[in-house]
Amino acid sequence: MSSTPAAKRQLANLGPIQQLRGGRLPRRLPQLILGLYLYGASMAMIVTSGLGMMPWDVLHSGIIKHVPLTFGTIVTITSFLVLLIWIPLRQQPGLGTILNALLIGPSLDLTRLFLPKPEELGWNIALLIGGILLNGVASAMYIGSQFGPGPRDGLMTGLSRVTGRSIRLVRTLIEVSVVVVGWLLGGVFGLGTALYALGIGPITQALLPTFTVEISGPKRD
């Protein structure tokens, strides 16, 4: 057990090899896998609620109305464009970045097989709120495992590190921005989109210190 208080634990900006050599793999690997599964499960809950998409999906649904590509292709292209922004931020990908792309989609589809679509508004709201809360927990888990964030979360952590602003502020600004752009392009927007954009930053900010696992290796500014 680390003696460093949770509030003082920091995310390390390390390359893939350094991440694997950082130690504590029996704790970090299960946390990564479980966090990614729960992230996909939380997305399934939000989608099934029918009360609005997550912010990045508002953007994707807006772009698809202007180009002859499938939704999945738009998501993939957007991911690569976001990864290009990592270059000036000196944000390095890792095992978690790769597994993010491989596991979240299947976990979403698997969870939806077991999620009945509720017909009463109260249950829809419960699914939405539960999905947002679970998404915050899942984000803190897989980012805190120190195997590298996914493309969009890497943008968040990279900007937070470079600007010195909090995860809460940076993520909220990013989520609000993509919703506005997506809405202007004709994307699908709902109450759930607004609640997610405004709530996910504070939830992740509050939980990230608890789930951040200290590893050996240099911290980079």
Protein backbone atom coordinates (compact mmCIF):
# COMPACT_ATOMS: atom_id res chain seq x y z
CA MET A 1 0.00 0.00 0.00
CA SER A 2 1.41 3.38 -1.00
CA SER A 3 1.97 5.93 1.73
CA THR A 4 1.27 8.85 -0.60
CA PRO A 5 -2.09 10.49 0.15
CA ALA A 6 -4.62 9.99 -2.65
CA ALA A 7 -5.00 13.74 -3.22
CA LYS A 8 -1.26 14.06 -3.97
CA ARG A 9 -0.91 11.19 -6.45
CA GLN A 10 -0.06 12.36 -9.95
CA LEU A 11 -0.53 10.96 -13.43
CA ALA A 12 2.75 10.10 -15.15
CA ASN A 13 3.28 11.02 -18.82
CA LEU A 14 5.22 7.90 -19.83
CA GLY A 15 5.77 5.88 -22.98
CA PRO A 16 4.34 2.36 -23.45
CA ILE A 17 7.48 0.54 -22.24
CA GLN A 18 7.82 2.76 -19.19
CA GLN A 19 4.15 2.18 -18.37
CA LEU A 20 4.68 -1.58 -18.37
CA ARG A 21 7.85 -1.23 -16.29
CA GLY A 22 6.11 1.01 -13.78
CA GLY A 23 5.25 -1.91 -11.52
CA ARG A 24 2.06 -2.86 -9.64
CA LEU A 25 0.71 -4.72 -12.68
CA PRO A 26 -1.54 -7.04 -10.59
CA ARG A 27 -3.42 -3.91 -9.45
CA ARG A 28 -3.18 -1.82 -12.61
CA LEU A 29 -4.12 -4.33 -15.32
CA PRO A 30 -7.41 -5.49 -13.73
CA GLN A 31 -8.30 -1.86 -12.98
CA LEU A 32 -7.66 -0.95 -16.62
CA ILE A 33 -9.76 -3.80 -18.04
CA LEU A 34 -12.62 -3.31 -15.57
CA GLY A 35 -12.58 0.44 -16.11
CA LEU A 36 -12.84 0.04 -19.88
CA TYR A 37 -15.66 -2.47 -19.57
CA LEU A 38 -17.57 -0.20 -17.21
CA TYR A 39 -17.01 2.72 -19.57
CA GLY A 40 -18.69 0.80 -22.38
CA ALA A 41 -21.45 -0.32 -20.01
CA SER A 42 -22.07 3.27 -18.94
CA MET A 43 -22.35 4.33 -22.59
CA ALA A 44 -24.92 1.59 -23.13
CA MET A 45 -26.95 2.89 -20.19
CA ILE A 46 -26.92 6.45 -21.53
CA VAL A 47 -27.87 5.36 -25.06
CA THR A 48 -30.63 3.08 -23.79
CA SER A 49 -32.11 5.88 -21.68
CA GLY A 50 -33.07 7.65 -24.92
CA LEU A 51 -32.59 11.05 -23.30
CA GLY A 52 -29.54 12.22 -25.24
CA MET A 53 -26.14 11.13 -26.53
CA MET A 54 -22.75 11.68 -24.96
CA PRO A 55 -21.14 14.92 -26.22
CA TRP A 56 -18.66 13.39 -28.67
CA ASP A 57 -21.47 11.34 -30.21
CA VAL A 58 -23.45 14.55 -30.75
CA LEU A 59 -20.49 15.73 -32.82
CA HIS A 60 -20.29 12.44 -34.71
CA SER A 61 -24.02 12.48 -35.46
CA GLY A 62 -23.68 16.04 -36.78
CA ILE A 63 -20.70 15.31 -39.03
CA ILE A 64 -22.38 12.27 -40.56
CA LYS A 65 -25.10 14.51 -42.00
CA HIS A 66 -22.54 16.30 -44.18
CA VAL A 67 -20.30 13.48 -45.46
CA PRO A 68 -21.11 10.09 -47.10
CA LEU A 69 -19.53 7.98 -44.35
CA THR A 70 -20.85 5.60 -41.71
CA PHE A 71 -21.11 6.56 -38.04
CA GLY A 72 -18.32 4.15 -37.12
CA THR A 73 -16.02 5.60 -39.78
CA ILE A 74 -16.64 9.11 -38.45
CA VAL A 75 -15.76 7.95 -34.93
CA THR A 76 -12.52 6.38 -36.17
CA ILE A 77 -11.49 9.45 -38.20
CA THR A 78 -12.24 11.72 -35.27
CA SER A 79 -10.09 9.54 -33.02
CA PHE A 80 -7.12 9.87 -35.35
CA LEU A 81 -7.61 13.64 -35.63
CA VAL A 82 -7.69 13.91 -31.84
CA LEU A 83 -4.50 11.83 -31.63
CA LEU A 84 -2.79 14.35 -33.93
CA ILE A 85 -3.45 17.01 -31.27
CA TRP A 86 -1.51 14.81 -28.84
CA ILE A 87 1.72 15.61 -30.74
CA PRO A 88 2.15 19.25 -29.65
CA LEU A 89 0.93 18.28 -26.17
CA ARG A 90 3.63 15.57 -26.01
CA GLN A 91 0.99 13.15 -24.82
CA GLN A 92 2.14 9.57 -25.28
CA PRO A 93 -0.16 6.63 -26.13
CA GLY A 94 0.01 3.36 -24.25
CA LEU A 95 -1.62 -0.01 -23.75
CA GLY A 96 -4.72 1.69 -22.39
CA THR A 97 -5.01 3.80 -25.54
CA ILE A 98 -5.09 0.67 -27.72
CA LEU A 99 -7.42 -1.30 -25.45
CA ASN A 100 -9.73 1.71 -25.28
CA ALA A 101 -10.41 1.31 -29.00
CA LEU A 102 -10.69 -2.49 -28.81
CA LEU A 103 -12.83 -3.10 -25.71
CA ILE A 104 -15.28 -0.24 -25.22
CA GLY A 105 -17.39 -0.97 -28.31
CA PRO A 106 -17.85 -4.69 -27.57
CA SER A 107 -18.62 -4.00 -23.90
CA LEU A 108 -21.26 -1.48 -24.96
CA ASP A 109 -22.91 -3.99 -27.32
CA LEU A 110 -22.73 -6.78 -24.72
CA THR A 111 -24.30 -4.63 -22.00
CA ARG A 112 -27.13 -3.50 -24.28
CA LEU A 113 -28.13 -7.16 -24.74
CA PHE A 114 -29.05 -7.28 -21.06
CA LEU A 115 -30.53 -3.79 -20.70
CA PRO A 116 -34.29 -3.66 -21.26
CA LYS A 117 -35.50 -0.41 -22.79
CA PRO A 118 -37.75 1.16 -20.14
CA GLU A 119 -41.02 2.72 -21.15
CA GLU A 120 -41.49 4.91 -18.08
CA LEU A 121 -39.68 8.26 -17.87
CA GLY A 122 -38.56 7.63 -14.29
CA TRP A 123 -36.60 4.54 -15.30
CA ASN A 124 -35.11 6.38 -18.28
CA ILE A 125 -33.88 9.12 -15.97
CA ALA A 126 -32.46 6.54 -13.56
CA LEU A 127 -30.57 4.87 -16.43
CA LEU A 128 -29.22 8.23 -17.58
CA ILE A 129 -28.02 9.38 -14.16
CA GLY A 130 -26.62 5.96 -13.33
CA GLY A 131 -24.78 5.91 -16.67
CA ILE A 132 -23.21 9.31 -16.07
CA LEU A 133 -22.06 8.37 -12.56
CA LEU A 134 -20.69 5.04 -13.76
CA ASN A 135 -18.91 6.78 -16.63
CA GLY A 136 -17.11 9.04 -14.18
CA VAL A 137 -16.03 6.04 -12.08
CA ALA A 138 -14.88 4.14 -15.19
CA SER A 139 -12.94 7.13 -16.53
CA ALA A 140 -11.09 7.56 -13.23
CA MET A 141 -10.35 3.83 -13.08
CA TYR A 142 -8.80 3.37 -16.49
CA ILE A 143 -6.98 6.71 -16.55
CA GLY A 144 -5.71 6.13 -13.02
CA SER A 145 -4.27 2.73 -14.00
CA GLN A 146 -1.51 4.71 -15.75
CA PHE A 147 -1.55 2.82 -19.05
CA GLY A 148 -2.37 5.87 -21.10
CA PRO A 149 -5.80 7.40 -21.73
CA GLY A 150 -8.02 6.97 -24.77
CA PRO A 151 -7.80 9.56 -27.57
CA ARG A 152 -10.39 11.93 -26.14
CA ASP A 153 -9.40 11.55 -22.49
CA GLY A 154 -5.76 11.98 -23.52
CA LEU A 155 -6.69 15.32 -25.00
CA MET A 156 -8.23 16.22 -21.64
CA THR A 157 -5.29 15.11 -19.48
CA GLY A 158 -2.75 16.58 -21.88
CA LEU A 159 -4.40 19.99 -21.90
CA SER A 160 -4.75 19.85 -18.12
CA ARG A 161 -1.03 19.08 -17.73
CA VAL A 162 0.14 21.74 -20.21
CA THR A 163 -2.18 24.53 -19.06
CA GLY A 164 -2.10 23.73 -15.34
CA ARG A 165 -5.91 23.80 -15.24
CA SER A 166 -7.95 21.21 -13.39
CA ILE A 167 -9.29 18.03 -15.00
CA ARG A 168 -12.75 19.25 -14.03
CA LEU A 169 -12.45 22.53 -15.94
CA VAL A 170 -10.67 21.15 -19.00
CA ARG A 171 -13.04 18.23 -19.50
CA THR A 172 -16.12 20.37 -19.02
CA LEU A 173 -14.87 22.91 -21.60
CA ILE A 174 -14.08 20.15 -24.11
CA GLU A 175 -17.43 18.42 -23.69
CA VAL A 176 -19.40 21.66 -23.99
CA SER A 177 -17.40 22.67 -27.09
CA VAL A 178 -18.02 19.42 -29.01
CA VAL A 179 -21.72 19.54 -28.15
CA VAL A 180 -22.03 23.08 -29.52
CA VAL A 181 -20.19 22.20 -32.73
CA GLY A 182 -22.18 18.98 -33.14
CA TRP A 183 -25.47 20.78 -32.55
CA LEU A 184 -24.57 23.44 -35.12
CA LEU A 185 -23.89 20.64 -37.62
CA GLY A 186 -27.31 19.13 -36.91
CA GLY A 187 -26.31 16.49 -34.38
CA VAL A 188 -28.67 14.80 -31.91
CA PHE A 189 -28.88 16.69 -28.64
CA GLY A 190 -30.90 15.99 -25.49
CA LEU A 191 -31.19 16.61 -21.76
CA GLY A 192 -28.78 13.76 -21.12
CA THR A 193 -26.14 15.43 -23.28
CA ALA A 194 -26.25 18.59 -21.19
CA LEU A 195 -26.17 16.69 -17.89
CA TYR A 196 -23.22 14.59 -19.05
CA ALA A 197 -21.23 17.58 -20.33
CA LEU A 198 -21.68 19.50 -17.09
CA GLY A 199 -21.39 16.59 -14.66
CA ILE A 200 -18.67 14.28 -15.93
CA GLY A 201 -15.79 16.68 -15.25
CA PRO A 202 -16.51 17.18 -11.55
CA ILE A 203 -17.19 13.45 -11.05
CA THR A 204 -13.92 12.39 -12.70
CA GLN A 205 -11.97 15.12 -10.89
CA ALA A 206 -13.30 13.94 -7.54
CA LEU A 207 -12.60 10.23 -8.13
CA LEU A 208 -9.31 10.33 -10.06
CA PRO A 209 -7.03 10.74 -6.99
CA THR A 210 -8.59 7.65 -5.41
CA PHE A 211 -8.00 5.45 -8.46
CA THR A 212 -4.61 6.83 -9.51
CA VAL A 213 -2.01 4.11 -8.91
CA GLU A 214 1.51 5.33 -8.13
CA ILE A 215 4.11 3.82 -10.44
CA SER A 216 7.87 4.14 -10.76
CA GLY A 217 9.22 6.39 -13.50
CA PRO A 218 9.86 10.07 -14.14
CA LYS A 219 7.06 12.59 -14.10
CA ARG A 220 7.14 14.89 -17.11
CA ASP A 221 5.86 18.44 -17.16
